[in-house]
Amino acid sequence: MNNITITGNLTREPELKFTSTGTPLCSFTIASNQGKDRKALFIDCDVWNDDITESVAELPKGTRITVTGLLKQEYWEKDGEEHNKLKITAQDVSVSCRWQKVSATRIRKEASGQE
């Protein structure tokens, strides 16, 4: 598996959608600075994890986050030309406390039938 962790800023408000079966999907793009005099790296990300999609969707543009997930390459053809891009399927998203003040609320999960 291709696991990756990357830190960057949200370039736009995350978009929350639902599939026809009701599964939540949150899509966003982050820009990761690669150092002085180098262009930023822009990475599209998707979150399918029910536990965090709605929390990520509430983050405003510009929020500094760290994304951990699976790196994949998507391929498609348009107007006879082949294209590809790297994308992350996020497994976890964390908000950075270095450049912003954040607050957290613990989510309590119900027991899954085990006592």
N, C-alpha and C. Protein backbone atom coordinates (compact mmCIF):
# COMPACT_ATOMS: atom_id res chain seq x y z
N MET A 1 0.82 -1.18 0.00
CA MET A 1 0.00 0.00 0.00
C MET A 1 0.86 1.24 0.00
N ASN A 2 0.33 2.29 -0.59
CA ASN A 2 1.03 3.57 -0.65
C ASN A 2 0.44 4.53 0.37
N ASN A 3 0.98 4.51 1.59
CA ASN A 3 0.51 5.42 2.63
C ASN A 3 1.29 6.72 2.54
N ILE A 4 0.59 7.83 2.81
CA ILE A 4 1.23 9.13 2.73
C ILE A 4 0.69 10.01 3.85
N THR A 5 1.54 10.89 4.34
CA THR A 5 1.12 11.94 5.28
C THR A 5 1.64 13.25 4.72
N ILE A 6 0.74 14.22 4.59
CA ILE A 6 1.11 15.50 4.02
C ILE A 6 0.42 16.62 4.78
N THR A 7 1.12 17.74 4.95
CA THR A 7 0.56 18.89 5.64
C THR A 7 0.44 20.04 4.65
N GLY A 8 -0.69 20.73 4.72
CA GLY A 8 -0.90 21.87 3.83
C GLY A 8 -2.13 22.65 4.25
N ASN A 9 -2.50 23.63 3.43
CA ASN A 9 -3.65 24.48 3.71
C ASN A 9 -4.78 24.16 2.75
N LEU A 10 -6.01 24.20 3.25
CA LEU A 10 -7.18 24.00 2.39
C LEU A 10 -7.26 25.14 1.38
N THR A 11 -7.39 24.80 0.10
CA THR A 11 -7.44 25.83 -0.94
C THR A 11 -8.85 26.30 -1.21
N ARG A 12 -9.83 25.59 -0.69
CA ARG A 12 -11.24 25.94 -0.87
C ARG A 12 -12.02 25.28 0.25
N GLU A 13 -13.27 25.68 0.38
CA GLU A 13 -14.14 25.04 1.38
C GLU A 13 -14.33 23.57 0.98
N PRO A 14 -14.20 22.63 1.90
CA PRO A 14 -14.47 21.22 1.56
C PRO A 14 -15.91 21.04 1.11
N GLU A 15 -16.12 20.12 0.18
CA GLU A 15 -17.45 19.87 -0.37
C GLU A 15 -17.97 18.53 0.13
N LEU A 16 -19.10 18.56 0.83
CA LEU A 16 -19.73 17.35 1.35
C LEU A 16 -20.86 16.93 0.42
N LYS A 17 -20.78 15.68 -0.05
CA LYS A 17 -21.82 15.11 -0.91
C LYS A 17 -22.21 13.76 -0.34
N PHE A 18 -23.31 13.23 -0.84
CA PHE A 18 -23.75 11.90 -0.44
C PHE A 18 -24.01 11.08 -1.69
N THR A 19 -23.59 9.81 -1.64
CA THR A 19 -23.86 8.92 -2.77
C THR A 19 -25.34 8.55 -2.78
N SER A 20 -25.76 7.85 -3.82
CA SER A 20 -27.17 7.46 -3.92
C SER A 20 -27.57 6.51 -2.79
N THR A 21 -26.60 5.86 -2.16
CA THR A 21 -26.90 4.98 -1.03
C THR A 21 -26.77 5.69 0.32
N GLY A 22 -26.46 7.00 0.29
CA GLY A 22 -26.37 7.77 1.52
C GLY A 22 -24.99 7.83 2.14
N THR A 23 -23.99 7.29 1.49
CA THR A 23 -22.62 7.32 2.02
C THR A 23 -22.05 8.73 1.85
N PRO A 24 -21.52 9.32 2.94
CA PRO A 24 -20.96 10.66 2.82
C PRO A 24 -19.58 10.65 2.15
N LEU A 25 -19.32 11.70 1.37
CA LEU A 25 -18.04 11.90 0.71
C LEU A 25 -17.68 13.36 0.86
N CYS A 26 -16.51 13.64 1.40
CA CYS A 26 -16.03 15.01 1.53
C CYS A 26 -14.79 15.14 0.66
N SER A 27 -14.82 16.10 -0.27
CA SER A 27 -13.70 16.33 -1.18
C SER A 27 -13.10 17.71 -0.91
N PHE A 28 -11.77 17.78 -0.99
CA PHE A 28 -11.07 19.05 -0.78
C PHE A 28 -9.70 18.98 -1.42
N THR A 29 -9.06 20.14 -1.53
CA THR A 29 -7.70 20.22 -2.08
C THR A 29 -6.84 20.93 -1.05
N ILE A 30 -5.60 20.44 -0.88
CA ILE A 30 -4.66 21.12 -0.01
C ILE A 30 -3.46 21.57 -0.85
N ALA A 31 -2.86 22.67 -0.41
CA ALA A 31 -1.63 23.17 -1.02
C ALA A 31 -0.53 23.01 0.01
N SER A 32 0.51 22.29 -0.37
CA SER A 32 1.62 22.03 0.53
C SER A 32 2.85 22.79 0.03
N ASN A 33 3.38 23.65 0.88
CA ASN A 33 4.55 24.44 0.53
C ASN A 33 5.78 23.54 0.46
N GLN A 34 6.53 23.65 -0.61
CA GLN A 34 7.71 22.81 -0.78
C GLN A 34 9.01 23.56 -0.49
N GLY A 35 8.90 24.72 0.11
CA GLY A 35 10.10 25.47 0.46
C GLY A 35 10.23 26.75 -0.33
N LYS A 36 11.15 27.57 0.11
CA LYS A 36 11.37 28.87 -0.51
C LYS A 36 11.73 28.71 -1.98
N ASP A 37 11.17 29.57 -2.80
CA ASP A 37 11.44 29.60 -4.25
C ASP A 37 10.96 28.35 -4.99
N ARG A 38 10.07 27.58 -4.40
CA ARG A 38 9.51 26.41 -5.08
C ARG A 38 8.00 26.53 -5.06
N LYS A 39 7.36 26.06 -6.10
CA LYS A 39 5.91 26.14 -6.19
C LYS A 39 5.26 25.16 -5.22
N ALA A 40 4.06 25.51 -4.79
CA ALA A 40 3.31 24.64 -3.89
C ALA A 40 2.83 23.40 -4.64
N LEU A 41 2.66 22.33 -3.91
CA LEU A 41 2.12 21.08 -4.44
C LEU A 41 0.64 21.05 -4.09
N PHE A 42 -0.23 20.87 -5.09
CA PHE A 42 -1.67 20.83 -4.86
C PHE A 42 -2.13 19.38 -4.98
N ILE A 43 -2.81 18.89 -3.94
CA ILE A 43 -3.26 17.51 -3.90
C ILE A 43 -4.76 17.47 -3.61
N ASP A 44 -5.53 16.77 -4.46
CA ASP A 44 -6.95 16.54 -4.21
C ASP A 44 -7.09 15.39 -3.22
N CYS A 45 -8.05 15.51 -2.33
CA CYS A 45 -8.28 14.49 -1.30
C CYS A 45 -9.77 14.17 -1.20
N ASP A 46 -10.06 12.92 -0.88
CA ASP A 46 -11.42 12.47 -0.60
C ASP A 46 -11.44 11.80 0.76
N VAL A 47 -12.51 12.05 1.52
CA VAL A 47 -12.72 11.36 2.79
C VAL A 47 -14.03 10.61 2.69
N TRP A 48 -13.97 9.29 2.87
CA TRP A 48 -15.16 8.44 2.84
C TRP A 48 -15.53 7.96 4.24
N ASN A 49 -14.69 8.23 5.22
CA ASN A 49 -14.87 7.74 6.58
C ASN A 49 -16.03 8.47 7.26
N ASP A 50 -17.11 7.74 7.56
CA ASP A 50 -18.31 8.33 8.18
C ASP A 50 -17.98 9.13 9.43
N ASP A 51 -16.95 8.70 10.17
CA ASP A 51 -16.63 9.34 11.44
C ASP A 51 -16.07 10.75 11.29
N ILE A 52 -15.47 11.07 10.15
CA ILE A 52 -14.81 12.37 10.04
C ILE A 52 -15.28 13.24 8.88
N THR A 53 -16.09 12.72 7.96
CA THR A 53 -16.47 13.52 6.79
C THR A 53 -17.15 14.84 7.17
N GLU A 54 -18.09 14.80 8.09
CA GLU A 54 -18.82 16.01 8.44
C GLU A 54 -17.95 17.00 9.20
N SER A 55 -17.01 16.51 10.00
CA SER A 55 -16.09 17.41 10.70
C SER A 55 -15.17 18.12 9.71
N VAL A 56 -14.66 17.38 8.74
CA VAL A 56 -13.79 17.98 7.72
C VAL A 56 -14.57 19.00 6.89
N ALA A 57 -15.82 18.70 6.58
CA ALA A 57 -16.64 19.59 5.77
C ALA A 57 -16.85 20.95 6.43
N GLU A 58 -16.71 21.04 7.75
CA GLU A 58 -16.91 22.29 8.47
C GLU A 58 -15.67 23.17 8.52
N LEU A 59 -14.52 22.66 8.06
CA LEU A 59 -13.28 23.44 8.12
C LEU A 59 -13.29 24.55 7.06
N PRO A 60 -12.88 25.76 7.44
CA PRO A 60 -12.87 26.85 6.46
C PRO A 60 -11.63 26.82 5.56
N LYS A 61 -11.77 27.46 4.41
CA LYS A 61 -10.66 27.62 3.48
C LYS A 61 -9.47 28.23 4.23
N GLY A 62 -8.27 27.75 3.94
CA GLY A 62 -7.07 28.27 4.57
C GLY A 62 -6.62 27.51 5.80
N THR A 63 -7.47 26.63 6.35
CA THR A 63 -7.12 25.86 7.54
C THR A 63 -5.92 24.98 7.25
N ARG A 64 -4.96 25.00 8.16
CA ARG A 64 -3.76 24.15 8.03
C ARG A 64 -4.10 22.78 8.59
N ILE A 65 -3.95 21.74 7.77
CA ILE A 65 -4.30 20.38 8.17
C ILE A 65 -3.20 19.40 7.78
N THR A 66 -3.24 18.26 8.43
CA THR A 66 -2.38 17.13 8.05
C THR A 66 -3.30 16.00 7.64
N VAL A 67 -3.03 15.44 6.47
CA VAL A 67 -3.84 14.36 5.91
C VAL A 67 -2.99 13.10 5.86
N THR A 68 -3.53 12.00 6.37
CA THR A 68 -2.90 10.70 6.27
C THR A 68 -3.84 9.79 5.51
N GLY A 69 -3.31 9.08 4.53
CA GLY A 69 -4.18 8.21 3.75
C GLY A 69 -3.45 7.43 2.69
N LEU A 70 -4.22 6.95 1.73
CA LEU A 70 -3.69 6.13 0.65
C LEU A 70 -3.48 6.98 -0.59
N LEU A 71 -2.29 6.95 -1.13
CA LEU A 71 -1.96 7.68 -2.34
C LEU A 71 -2.32 6.82 -3.54
N LYS A 72 -3.06 7.42 -4.48
CA LYS A 72 -3.40 6.67 -5.68
C LYS A 72 -3.26 7.59 -6.88
N GLN A 73 -3.12 7.00 -8.04
CA GLN A 73 -3.02 7.76 -9.27
C GLN A 73 -4.24 7.46 -10.12
N GLU A 74 -4.94 8.52 -10.52
CA GLU A 74 -6.13 8.35 -11.36
C GLU A 74 -5.76 8.65 -12.81
N TYR A 75 -6.35 7.89 -13.71
CA TYR A 75 -6.10 8.05 -15.15
C TYR A 75 -7.43 8.28 -15.85
N TRP A 76 -7.42 9.14 -16.88
CA TRP A 76 -8.60 9.33 -17.71
C TRP A 76 -8.17 9.86 -19.07
N GLU A 77 -9.09 9.79 -19.99
CA GLU A 77 -8.83 10.28 -21.33
C GLU A 77 -9.84 11.38 -21.65
N LYS A 78 -9.35 12.48 -22.22
CA LYS A 78 -10.21 13.59 -22.60
C LYS A 78 -9.72 14.15 -23.92
N ASP A 79 -10.62 14.25 -24.87
CA ASP A 79 -10.29 14.77 -26.20
C ASP A 79 -9.12 14.02 -26.83
N GLY A 80 -9.08 12.71 -26.62
CA GLY A 80 -8.04 11.88 -27.21
C GLY A 80 -6.70 11.92 -26.49
N GLU A 81 -6.60 12.70 -25.41
CA GLU A 81 -5.35 12.78 -24.66
C GLU A 81 -5.50 12.08 -23.32
N GLU A 82 -4.45 11.36 -22.93
CA GLU A 82 -4.45 10.68 -21.64
C GLU A 82 -3.97 11.65 -20.56
N HIS A 83 -4.64 11.63 -19.43
CA HIS A 83 -4.29 12.48 -18.29
C HIS A 83 -4.18 11.62 -17.05
N ASN A 84 -3.46 12.13 -16.04
CA ASN A 84 -3.40 11.45 -14.75
C ASN A 84 -3.10 12.47 -13.67
N LYS A 85 -3.46 12.12 -12.45
CA LYS A 85 -3.14 12.95 -11.29
C LYS A 85 -3.07 12.09 -10.05
N LEU A 86 -2.32 12.58 -9.08
CA LEU A 86 -2.24 11.90 -7.79
C LEU A 86 -3.37 12.41 -6.91
N LYS A 87 -3.90 11.51 -6.09
CA LYS A 87 -5.01 11.83 -5.20
C LYS A 87 -4.83 11.04 -3.91
N ILE A 88 -5.32 11.59 -2.82
CA ILE A 88 -5.26 10.90 -1.53
C ILE A 88 -6.66 10.52 -1.09
N THR A 89 -6.84 9.26 -0.72
CA THR A 89 -8.05 8.83 -0.03
C THR A 89 -7.70 8.88 1.45
N ALA A 90 -8.21 9.92 2.11
CA ALA A 90 -7.81 10.20 3.49
C ALA A 90 -8.42 9.21 4.47
N GLN A 91 -7.59 8.77 5.39
CA GLN A 91 -8.04 7.92 6.49
C GLN A 91 -8.14 8.72 7.77
N ASP A 92 -7.37 9.83 7.84
CA ASP A 92 -7.42 10.70 9.01
C ASP A 92 -7.05 12.11 8.57
N VAL A 93 -7.67 13.09 9.19
CA VAL A 93 -7.39 14.50 8.94
C VAL A 93 -7.24 15.18 10.29
N SER A 94 -6.13 15.88 10.48
CA SER A 94 -5.87 16.57 11.75
C SER A 94 -5.69 18.05 11.48
N VAL A 95 -6.19 18.88 12.38
CA VAL A 95 -6.03 20.32 12.27
C VAL A 95 -4.76 20.71 13.03
N SER A 96 -3.93 21.53 12.40
CA SER A 96 -2.68 21.98 13.01
C SER A 96 -2.96 23.04 14.06
N CYS A 97 -2.28 22.93 15.19
CA CYS A 97 -2.40 23.93 16.25
C CYS A 97 -1.27 24.96 16.18
N ARG A 98 -0.37 24.81 15.23
CA ARG A 98 0.80 25.69 15.16
C ARG A 98 0.43 27.12 14.74
N TRP A 99 -0.46 27.28 13.78
CA TRP A 99 -0.76 28.60 13.24
C TRP A 99 -2.20 29.05 13.50
N GLN A 100 -2.95 28.28 14.26
CA GLN A 100 -4.34 28.64 14.50
C GLN A 100 -4.79 28.07 15.83
N LYS A 101 -5.81 28.70 16.38
CA LYS A 101 -6.38 28.21 17.63
C LYS A 101 -7.50 27.24 17.26
N VAL A 102 -7.50 26.08 17.86
CA VAL A 102 -8.52 25.07 17.55
C VAL A 102 -9.15 24.57 18.84
N SER A 103 -10.33 24.00 18.70
CA SER A 103 -10.97 23.34 19.82
C SER A 103 -11.47 21.99 19.34
N ALA A 104 -11.58 21.07 20.25
CA ALA A 104 -11.99 19.71 19.88
C ALA A 104 -13.12 19.25 20.79
N THR A 105 -13.99 18.47 20.22
CA THR A 105 -15.08 17.87 20.97
C THR A 105 -14.99 16.36 20.78
N ARG A 106 -14.90 15.64 21.87
CA ARG A 106 -14.80 14.20 21.79
C ARG A 106 -16.14 13.61 21.36
N ILE A 107 -16.08 12.67 20.43
CA ILE A 107 -17.28 11.97 19.98
C ILE A 107 -17.33 10.64 20.69
N ARG A 108 -18.41 10.40 21.39
CA ARG A 108 -18.56 9.13 22.10
C ARG A 108 -19.25 8.13 21.19
N LYS A 109 -18.63 6.99 21.03
CA LYS A 109 -19.22 5.93 20.20
C LYS A 109 -19.93 4.95 21.11
N GLU A 110 -21.08 4.48 20.63
CA GLU A 110 -21.82 3.50 21.40
C GLU A 110 -21.15 2.14 21.27
N ALA A 111 -21.26 1.36 22.33
CA ALA A 111 -20.69 0.02 22.30
C ALA A 111 -21.35 -0.81 21.22
N SER A 112 -20.58 -1.67 20.59
CA SER A 112 -21.10 -2.47 19.47
C SER A 112 -21.63 -3.83 19.95
N GLY A 113 -22.46 -3.80 20.96
CA GLY A 113 -23.08 -5.02 21.44
C GLY A 113 -22.22 -5.83 22.39
N GLN A 114 -21.01 -5.34 22.68
CA GLN A 114 -20.12 -6.05 23.59
C GLN A 114 -20.17 -5.38 24.95
N GLU A 115 -20.15 -6.20 25.97
CA GLU A 115 -20.17 -5.65 27.34
C GLU A 115 -18.97 -6.10 28.10
